[in-house]
N, C-alpha and C. Protein backbone atom coordinates (compact mmCIF):
# COMPACT_ATOMS: atom_id res chain seq x y z
N MET A 1 21.35 10.33 35.05
CA MET A 1 20.81 10.27 34.12
C MET A 1 19.67 11.10 33.48
N TYR A 2 19.25 11.53 32.58
CA TYR A 2 18.33 12.98 32.56
C TYR A 2 16.93 12.39 31.65
N SER A 3 15.78 12.64 31.95
CA SER A 3 14.29 12.09 31.11
C SER A 3 13.56 12.70 30.28
N VAL A 4 13.22 12.95 29.52
CA VAL A 4 12.30 13.84 28.91
C VAL A 4 11.14 13.32 28.57
N LYS A 5 9.69 13.98 28.16
CA LYS A 5 8.82 12.46 28.10
C LYS A 5 7.80 13.71 26.81
N VAL A 6 7.41 13.57 26.26
CA VAL A 6 6.03 14.39 24.66
C VAL A 6 5.40 13.54 25.23
N GLU A 7 4.37 13.66 24.91
CA GLU A 7 2.94 12.91 24.15
C GLU A 7 2.05 13.35 23.47
N ALA A 8 1.35 12.18 22.23
CA ALA A 8 0.65 12.58 20.86
C ALA A 8 -0.21 11.69 20.84
N ASP A 9 -1.55 12.12 20.37
CA ASP A 9 -2.47 10.73 20.35
C ASP A 9 -3.14 10.70 18.89
N PHE A 10 -3.43 9.22 18.41
CA PHE A 10 -3.65 9.13 17.10
C PHE A 10 -4.67 8.16 17.36
N SER A 11 -5.76 8.23 15.89
CA SER A 11 -6.68 7.47 15.96
C SER A 11 -6.32 6.69 14.69
N SER A 12 -6.73 5.39 15.05
CA SER A 12 -6.75 4.15 13.85
C SER A 12 -7.47 2.61 14.00
N ALA A 13 -7.48 1.92 13.03
CA ALA A 13 -8.22 1.18 12.91
C ALA A 13 -7.00 -0.42 12.52
N HIS A 14 -7.55 -1.20 13.64
CA HIS A 14 -6.71 -2.64 13.34
C HIS A 14 -7.47 -4.29 13.46
N ASN A 15 -6.95 -4.93 13.02
CA ASN A 15 -7.04 -6.50 13.16
C ASN A 15 -5.76 -7.19 13.47
N LEU A 16 -5.68 -8.29 15.01
CA LEU A 16 -4.98 -8.62 15.12
C LEU A 16 -4.90 -10.04 14.41
N ARG A 17 -3.56 -10.69 13.55
CA ARG A 17 -3.86 -11.82 13.12
C ARG A 17 -3.02 -13.21 14.12
N GLY A 18 -3.39 -14.25 13.45
CA GLY A 18 -3.24 -15.12 14.86
C GLY A 18 -3.27 -14.54 16.49
N TYR A 19 -4.49 -13.78 15.87
CA TYR A 19 -5.31 -14.08 17.91
C TYR A 19 -6.81 -14.37 17.75
N LYS A 20 -6.84 -15.05 18.75
CA LYS A 20 -8.30 -15.83 18.93
C LYS A 20 -9.04 -14.67 19.68
N GLY A 21 -9.99 -14.29 19.57
CA GLY A 21 -10.67 -13.16 20.62
C GLY A 21 -11.39 -11.84 19.61
N LYS A 22 -11.54 -11.45 20.54
CA LYS A 22 -12.55 -10.19 19.54
C LYS A 22 -11.47 -9.37 18.50
N CYS A 23 -10.27 -9.48 19.34
CA CYS A 23 -9.14 -8.43 18.40
C CYS A 23 -8.94 -8.50 17.15
N GLU A 24 -9.35 -10.38 16.86
CA GLU A 24 -9.31 -10.71 15.49
C GLU A 24 -10.12 -9.69 14.76
N GLY A 25 -11.01 -9.21 15.15
CA GLY A 25 -12.25 -8.82 13.88
C GLY A 25 -12.21 -6.70 14.00
N LEU A 26 -11.59 -6.19 12.97
CA LEU A 26 -11.55 -4.90 12.25
C LEU A 26 -12.27 -4.28 14.01
N HIS A 27 -11.07 -3.73 14.05
CA HIS A 27 -11.84 -2.77 15.51
C HIS A 27 -10.44 -1.57 16.05
N GLY A 28 -10.84 -0.40 16.42
CA GLY A 28 -10.31 0.57 16.08
C GLY A 28 -9.92 1.33 17.75
N HIS A 29 -9.07 2.12 18.08
CA HIS A 29 -8.21 2.39 18.88
C HIS A 29 -8.30 4.35 19.15
N ASN A 30 -8.17 4.87 20.09
CA ASN A 30 -7.80 6.38 19.84
C ASN A 30 -6.20 6.31 20.98
N TRP A 31 -5.75 5.40 20.56
CA TRP A 31 -4.01 5.79 20.56
C TRP A 31 -3.19 7.16 21.69
N LYS A 32 -2.44 6.53 22.51
CA LYS A 32 -1.57 7.26 23.23
C LYS A 32 -0.52 7.28 23.31
N VAL A 33 1.13 7.78 22.44
CA VAL A 33 1.81 7.65 22.71
C VAL A 33 3.02 8.66 23.61
N GLU A 34 3.19 7.68 24.17
CA GLU A 34 4.84 8.34 24.83
C GLU A 34 5.89 8.41 24.51
N VAL A 35 6.79 9.44 23.98
CA VAL A 35 8.01 9.27 23.84
C VAL A 35 8.85 9.55 24.98
N ALA A 36 10.22 8.80 24.72
CA ALA A 36 10.89 9.46 26.44
C ALA A 36 12.13 9.36 25.45
N ALA A 37 12.81 10.65 26.02
CA ALA A 37 14.39 10.60 25.47
C ALA A 37 15.43 10.71 26.64
N GLY A 38 16.05 10.31 26.45
CA GLY A 38 17.45 9.95 27.61
C GLY A 38 18.77 10.29 27.53
N GLY A 39 19.28 10.47 28.39
CA GLY A 39 20.89 10.77 28.37
C GLY A 39 21.27 11.78 29.94
N ALA A 40 22.69 11.41 29.60
CA ALA A 40 23.61 11.71 30.74
C ALA A 40 24.04 13.70 30.56
N LYS A 41 24.42 13.56 28.99
CA LYS A 41 24.62 15.29 28.73
C LYS A 41 23.75 16.21 28.93
N LEU A 42 23.00 17.44 28.77
CA LEU A 42 22.46 18.23 28.56
C LEU A 42 23.40 19.28 27.36
N ASP A 43 22.79 20.09 27.06
CA ASP A 43 23.60 21.50 25.98
C ASP A 43 24.21 22.76 27.00
N ARG A 44 24.65 23.43 26.12
CA ARG A 44 24.97 24.67 27.24
C ARG A 44 23.58 25.48 27.30
N ALA A 45 22.96 25.33 27.49
CA ALA A 45 21.34 25.85 27.82
C ALA A 45 20.36 24.56 28.79
N GLY A 46 21.64 24.00 29.17
CA GLY A 46 20.84 23.04 30.24
C GLY A 46 19.81 21.87 29.61
N ILE A 47 19.60 21.88 28.30
CA ILE A 47 18.42 20.62 27.32
C ILE A 47 19.19 19.66 26.94
N LEU A 48 18.32 18.11 27.31
CA LEU A 48 18.29 17.37 26.56
C LEU A 48 18.57 17.18 25.32
N VAL A 49 16.84 17.71 25.55
CA VAL A 49 16.15 17.24 24.01
C VAL A 49 14.98 18.77 24.42
N ASP A 50 14.75 19.48 23.04
CA ASP A 50 14.41 20.17 23.10
C ASP A 50 12.70 19.76 22.47
N PHE A 51 11.71 20.03 23.76
CA PHE A 51 10.70 19.30 23.56
C PHE A 51 9.59 19.61 22.66
N LYS A 52 9.74 20.73 22.05
CA LYS A 52 9.19 21.16 20.79
C LYS A 52 9.84 20.37 19.04
N LEU A 53 11.04 20.14 19.35
CA LEU A 53 11.60 19.02 18.86
C LEU A 53 10.73 18.26 18.87
N LEU A 54 11.45 16.95 19.39
CA LEU A 54 10.66 15.81 20.26
C LEU A 54 9.68 15.71 19.60
N LYS A 55 8.61 16.50 20.17
CA LYS A 55 6.94 16.73 19.47
C LYS A 55 6.69 16.40 18.32
N ASN A 56 7.09 17.55 17.31
CA ASN A 56 7.42 17.37 16.13
C ASN A 56 7.77 16.41 15.50
N LYS A 57 9.23 15.70 16.14
CA LYS A 57 9.09 14.37 15.72
C LYS A 57 8.29 13.18 15.72
N LEU A 58 7.21 13.35 17.09
CA LEU A 58 6.73 12.32 17.12
C LEU A 58 5.49 12.69 16.39
N ASP A 59 5.21 14.02 15.97
CA ASP A 59 4.01 14.48 15.20
C ASP A 59 4.03 13.91 13.93
N LEU A 60 5.09 14.11 13.57
CA LEU A 60 5.31 13.21 11.73
C LEU A 60 5.41 11.88 11.79
N VAL A 61 5.23 11.30 12.88
CA VAL A 61 5.38 10.11 13.17
C VAL A 61 3.90 9.37 12.75
N LEU A 62 3.03 9.92 14.09
CA LEU A 62 2.14 9.52 13.85
C LEU A 62 0.89 10.28 12.94
N GLU A 63 1.46 11.10 12.44
CA GLU A 63 0.83 11.70 11.15
C GLU A 63 0.74 10.23 9.93
N GLU A 64 1.31 9.65 9.66
CA GLU A 64 1.83 8.50 8.79
C GLU A 64 0.09 7.16 9.39
N LEU A 65 0.21 7.41 10.94
CA LEU A 65 -0.75 6.08 11.28
C LEU A 65 -2.27 6.74 11.09
N ASP A 66 -2.73 8.01 11.86
CA ASP A 66 -3.46 8.36 11.76
C ASP A 66 -4.73 7.91 11.03
N HIS A 67 -5.84 7.79 11.40
CA HIS A 67 -6.67 7.64 10.80
C HIS A 67 -6.58 6.39 9.33
N GLN A 68 -5.91 5.60 9.55
CA GLN A 68 -5.11 4.15 8.92
C GLN A 68 -6.20 3.14 9.45
N TYR A 69 -5.78 2.11 8.70
CA TYR A 69 -6.05 1.05 9.06
C TYR A 69 -4.86 -0.18 8.90
N LEU A 70 -4.53 0.06 9.94
CA LEU A 70 -3.14 -0.12 10.39
C LEU A 70 -2.55 -1.95 9.55
N ASN A 71 -2.98 -1.74 9.58
CA ASN A 71 -2.97 -3.91 8.47
C ASN A 71 -2.28 -3.11 7.34
N HIS A 72 -2.69 -2.04 6.68
CA HIS A 72 -2.77 -1.70 5.05
C HIS A 72 -1.19 -0.89 4.98
N LEU A 73 -0.71 -0.69 5.61
CA LEU A 73 0.71 0.12 5.89
C LEU A 73 2.07 -1.26 5.84
N PRO A 74 2.59 -1.02 4.90
CA PRO A 74 4.01 -1.79 4.85
C PRO A 74 4.47 -2.54 6.02
N TYR A 75 4.51 -1.66 6.78
CA TYR A 75 5.06 -1.65 8.00
C TYR A 75 4.01 -3.28 9.03
N PHE A 76 3.50 -3.02 8.70
CA PHE A 76 2.37 -3.98 9.59
C PHE A 76 1.54 -5.15 8.48
N LYS A 77 1.96 -5.44 7.36
CA LYS A 77 1.95 -6.35 6.76
C LYS A 77 2.83 -7.52 7.18
N LYS A 78 3.98 -7.02 7.51
CA LYS A 78 4.55 -8.13 8.06
C LYS A 78 5.11 -8.13 9.67
N ASN A 79 4.65 -6.81 10.41
CA ASN A 79 4.43 -7.32 11.77
C ASN A 79 3.20 -7.17 11.77
N ASN A 80 2.46 -7.83 13.22
CA ASN A 80 1.29 -8.17 13.56
C ASN A 80 0.83 -6.32 14.25
N PRO A 81 -0.15 -5.60 14.15
CA PRO A 81 -0.33 -4.50 14.37
C PRO A 81 -0.86 -3.96 15.86
N THR A 82 0.17 -4.44 16.68
CA THR A 82 0.52 -4.81 17.84
C THR A 82 0.45 -3.72 19.09
N SER A 83 0.49 -3.39 20.42
CA SER A 83 0.35 -2.07 20.82
C SER A 83 2.48 -2.23 20.65
N GLU A 84 2.46 -3.46 21.06
CA GLU A 84 3.99 -3.39 21.19
C GLU A 84 4.99 -3.00 19.49
N ASN A 85 4.34 -3.37 18.93
CA ASN A 85 4.70 -3.42 17.28
C ASN A 85 4.45 -2.09 16.88
N ILE A 86 3.48 -0.87 17.47
CA ILE A 86 2.69 -0.02 17.29
C ILE A 86 4.74 0.98 17.90
N ALA A 87 4.38 0.44 19.38
CA ALA A 87 5.89 0.61 19.97
C ALA A 87 7.48 0.97 19.41
N ARG A 88 7.26 -0.42 18.96
CA ARG A 88 8.89 -0.09 18.35
C ARG A 88 8.78 0.28 17.18
N TYR A 89 7.88 0.54 16.20
CA TYR A 89 7.79 1.42 14.53
C TYR A 89 8.06 2.80 15.15
N VAL A 90 7.17 3.30 16.38
CA VAL A 90 7.63 4.72 16.47
C VAL A 90 8.73 4.91 16.63
N TYR A 91 9.07 3.71 17.82
CA TYR A 91 10.70 3.88 18.23
C TYR A 91 12.06 3.95 17.29
N ASP A 92 11.70 3.40 16.79
CA ASP A 92 12.41 3.02 15.40
C ASP A 92 12.58 4.02 14.60
N LYS A 93 11.20 5.32 14.08
CA LYS A 93 11.00 5.69 13.20
C LYS A 93 11.84 7.24 13.60
N ILE A 94 11.66 7.73 15.24
CA ILE A 94 12.13 8.90 15.77
C ILE A 94 13.56 8.40 15.80
N LYS A 95 14.17 7.49 15.98
CA LYS A 95 15.28 7.00 16.41
C LYS A 95 16.87 7.06 15.23
N GLY A 96 15.50 6.58 14.35
CA GLY A 96 16.57 6.70 13.05
C GLY A 96 16.77 8.55 12.51
N GLN A 97 15.97 9.86 13.34
CA GLN A 97 16.38 10.45 12.98
C GLN A 97 17.13 11.23 14.12
N GLY A 98 17.89 10.22 14.39
CA GLY A 98 19.16 10.79 15.39
C GLY A 98 18.87 11.48 16.91
N LEU A 99 17.32 11.01 17.08
CA LEU A 99 17.26 11.34 18.56
C LEU A 99 17.35 10.43 19.76
N LYS A 100 17.90 11.04 21.22
CA LYS A 100 18.02 9.97 22.08
C LYS A 100 16.70 9.55 23.04
N VAL A 101 16.28 8.09 22.34
CA VAL A 101 15.21 8.10 21.88
C VAL A 101 15.56 6.92 23.27
N LYS A 102 14.69 7.29 24.27
CA LYS A 102 14.96 6.15 25.31
C LYS A 102 13.76 4.51 25.66
N SER A 103 12.54 5.35 25.33
CA SER A 103 11.49 4.30 25.14
C SER A 103 10.24 5.00 24.84
N VAL A 104 9.60 3.63 24.24
CA VAL A 104 8.08 4.56 23.50
C VAL A 104 7.23 3.69 24.85
N THR A 105 5.77 3.87 24.44
CA THR A 105 4.81 4.22 25.69
C THR A 105 3.31 4.15 24.60
N VAL A 106 2.56 2.75 24.64
CA VAL A 106 1.65 3.11 23.67
C VAL A 106 0.51 2.70 24.25
N TRP A 107 -0.74 3.36 24.98
CA TRP A 107 -1.59 2.95 25.72
C TRP A 107 -3.03 2.77 23.93
N GLU A 108 -3.17 1.66 24.29
CA GLU A 108 -4.68 1.28 23.54
C GLU A 108 -5.72 1.55 23.92
N SER A 109 -5.76 1.60 25.65
CA SER A 109 -6.88 1.94 26.22
C SER A 109 -6.28 2.89 26.96
N GLU A 110 -7.34 2.88 28.62
CA GLU A 110 -7.56 4.43 29.29
C GLU A 110 -5.95 3.46 30.54
N ASN A 111 -5.82 1.86 30.77
CA ASN A 111 -5.56 0.75 31.60
C ASN A 111 -5.05 -0.17 31.24
N SER A 112 -4.82 -0.18 29.19
CA SER A 112 -3.40 -0.85 28.80
C SER A 112 -2.84 -0.28 28.19
N ALA A 113 -1.37 -0.49 27.97
CA ALA A 113 -0.29 0.34 27.26
C ALA A 113 0.84 -1.25 27.09
N ALA A 114 1.47 -0.90 26.15
CA ALA A 114 2.94 -1.65 25.60
C ALA A 114 4.14 -0.34 25.59
N THR A 115 5.16 -0.91 25.94
CA THR A 115 6.60 -0.42 26.27
C THR A 115 7.43 -1.05 25.79
N TYR A 116 8.30 0.17 24.41
CA TYR A 116 9.71 -0.56 23.78
C TYR A 116 10.63 -0.31 23.97
N GLU A 117 11.66 -0.59 24.84
CA GLU A 117 13.03 0.16 25.25
C GLU A 117 13.75 -0.54 24.91
N GLY A 118 14.83 0.59 23.80
CA GLY A 118 15.77 0.14 22.77
C GLY A 118 17.29 0.28 23.36
N ARG A 119 18.21 0.65 23.35
CA ARG A 119 19.48 1.42 23.49
C ARG A 119 19.49 2.63 22.77
N PHE A 120 20.26 3.25 24.07
CA PHE A 120 19.95 4.81 23.02
C PHE A 120 21.47 5.53 23.45
């Protein structure tokens, strides 16, 4: 099994609904996002997924989130804007473009991350 990964980042604000603590108030993060694509077969050039293509797809998704108040975006009006749900959002958006997405990891700080792994 092969795996390739790309990373990018974005900045945004959010607050968590139904959470008792500091995170229920408006605050922001400089998020780091890692997308891993996976598969058993390489193309004729020996490539699973072109890094540039995967990075471009990730950048397009993160443009939607960058410098936004996440709670105001349609997806996060229905889904609490947790790191877990952000990872799922990014996964679904990139997977929906036909790429072999294995997982998406979202760091909200240097020491805290959440990963969504789907079937690929």
